[in-house]
Amino acid sequence: MKIPKYRKHSTHNLGFVEINKERKYFKGKYNSHQSLAEYAKFIKELAANNSPVQTDIRSTRGDDVPIRLLAAKFLG
């Protein structure tokens, strides 16, 4: 299973992921520090729960920052 892509709900300007055909919305506006921190926490929890998530996937922005480093930055 790949890391769920951080996406934008265009009508409500919220960040979300879709996993197992369900959407998980994050607090704060899309791409805000709060929303990205919630996303990073969610990914960390998936990994901690032994979900078969690939943690070396690159970001979707094209800046080649591994998601695991992004999560570590926000979660300390």
Protein backbone atom coordinates (compact mmCIF):
# COMPACT_ATOMS: atom_id res chain seq x y z
CA MET A 1 0.00 0.00 0.00
CA LYS A 2 1.32 3.43 -0.90
CA ILE A 3 1.13 6.43 1.37
CA PRO A 4 -2.25 8.08 0.83
CA LYS A 5 -1.87 11.24 -1.23
CA TYR A 6 -2.56 14.54 0.54
CA ARG A 7 -5.36 16.11 -1.50
CA LYS A 8 -7.44 19.28 -1.57
CA HIS A 9 -11.21 19.41 -1.20
CA SER A 10 -11.78 22.34 -3.56
CA THR A 11 -15.16 23.43 -2.21
CA HIS A 12 -14.15 23.56 1.46
CA ASN A 13 -10.39 24.19 1.03
CA LEU A 14 -9.53 21.30 3.34
CA GLY A 15 -6.78 18.71 3.11
CA PHE A 16 -7.74 15.06 3.11
CA VAL A 17 -6.62 11.56 2.21
CA GLU A 18 -8.67 8.69 0.92
CA ILE A 19 -7.91 5.31 2.44
CA ASN A 20 -10.00 2.16 2.14
CA LYS A 21 -12.54 4.15 0.11
CA GLU A 22 -13.11 6.57 3.03
CA ARG A 23 -11.98 10.16 3.36
CA LYS A 24 -10.07 11.46 6.37
CA TYR A 25 -10.16 15.27 6.62
CA PHE A 26 -7.52 17.25 8.48
CA LYS A 27 -7.99 20.30 10.70
CA GLY A 28 -7.03 23.66 9.24
CA LYS A 29 -7.05 24.96 5.71
CA TYR A 30 -5.46 22.95 2.90
CA ASN A 31 -1.65 23.18 2.90
CA SER A 32 -1.57 25.05 6.24
CA HIS A 33 0.95 24.09 8.91
CA GLN A 34 -1.87 22.61 11.01
CA SER A 35 -3.26 20.51 8.16
CA LEU A 36 0.17 19.25 7.08
CA ALA A 37 1.03 18.40 10.70
CA GLU A 38 -2.21 16.40 10.99
CA TYR A 39 -1.34 14.60 7.74
CA ALA A 40 2.17 13.81 9.00
CA LYS A 41 0.73 12.50 12.28
CA PHE A 42 -1.73 10.34 10.36
CA ILE A 43 1.07 8.85 8.25
CA LYS A 44 3.17 8.22 11.35
CA GLU A 45 0.24 6.43 13.00
CA LEU A 46 -0.25 4.27 9.92
CA ALA A 47 3.40 3.25 10.06
CA ALA A 48 3.25 2.65 13.83
CA ASN A 49 0.25 0.37 13.41
CA ASN A 50 2.29 -1.83 11.06
CA SER A 51 0.24 -0.83 8.05
CA PRO A 52 1.98 -1.90 4.87
CA VAL A 53 2.76 1.72 3.95
CA GLN A 54 5.80 2.61 1.88
CA THR A 55 7.64 5.36 3.76
CA ASP A 56 10.12 6.25 1.05
CA ILE A 57 7.63 7.69 -1.44
CA ARG A 58 8.55 11.13 -2.69
CA SER A 59 6.31 14.15 -2.23
CA THR A 60 3.82 14.99 -4.95
CA ARG A 61 5.16 18.53 -5.31
CA GLY A 62 8.22 17.44 -7.23
CA ASP A 63 10.71 18.67 -4.63
CA ASP A 64 11.91 15.13 -3.87
CA VAL A 65 11.54 15.36 -0.10
CA PRO A 66 10.77 11.89 1.24
CA ILE A 67 7.50 11.77 3.17
CA ARG A 68 9.29 10.19 6.14
CA LEU A 69 11.50 13.30 6.43
CA LEU A 70 8.50 15.59 6.11
CA ALA A 71 6.73 13.68 8.87
CA ALA A 72 9.82 13.80 11.08
CA LYS A 73 10.07 17.58 10.62
CA PHE A 74 6.50 18.15 11.76
CA LEU A 75 6.46 15.57 14.54
CA GLY A 76 9.95 16.23 15.88
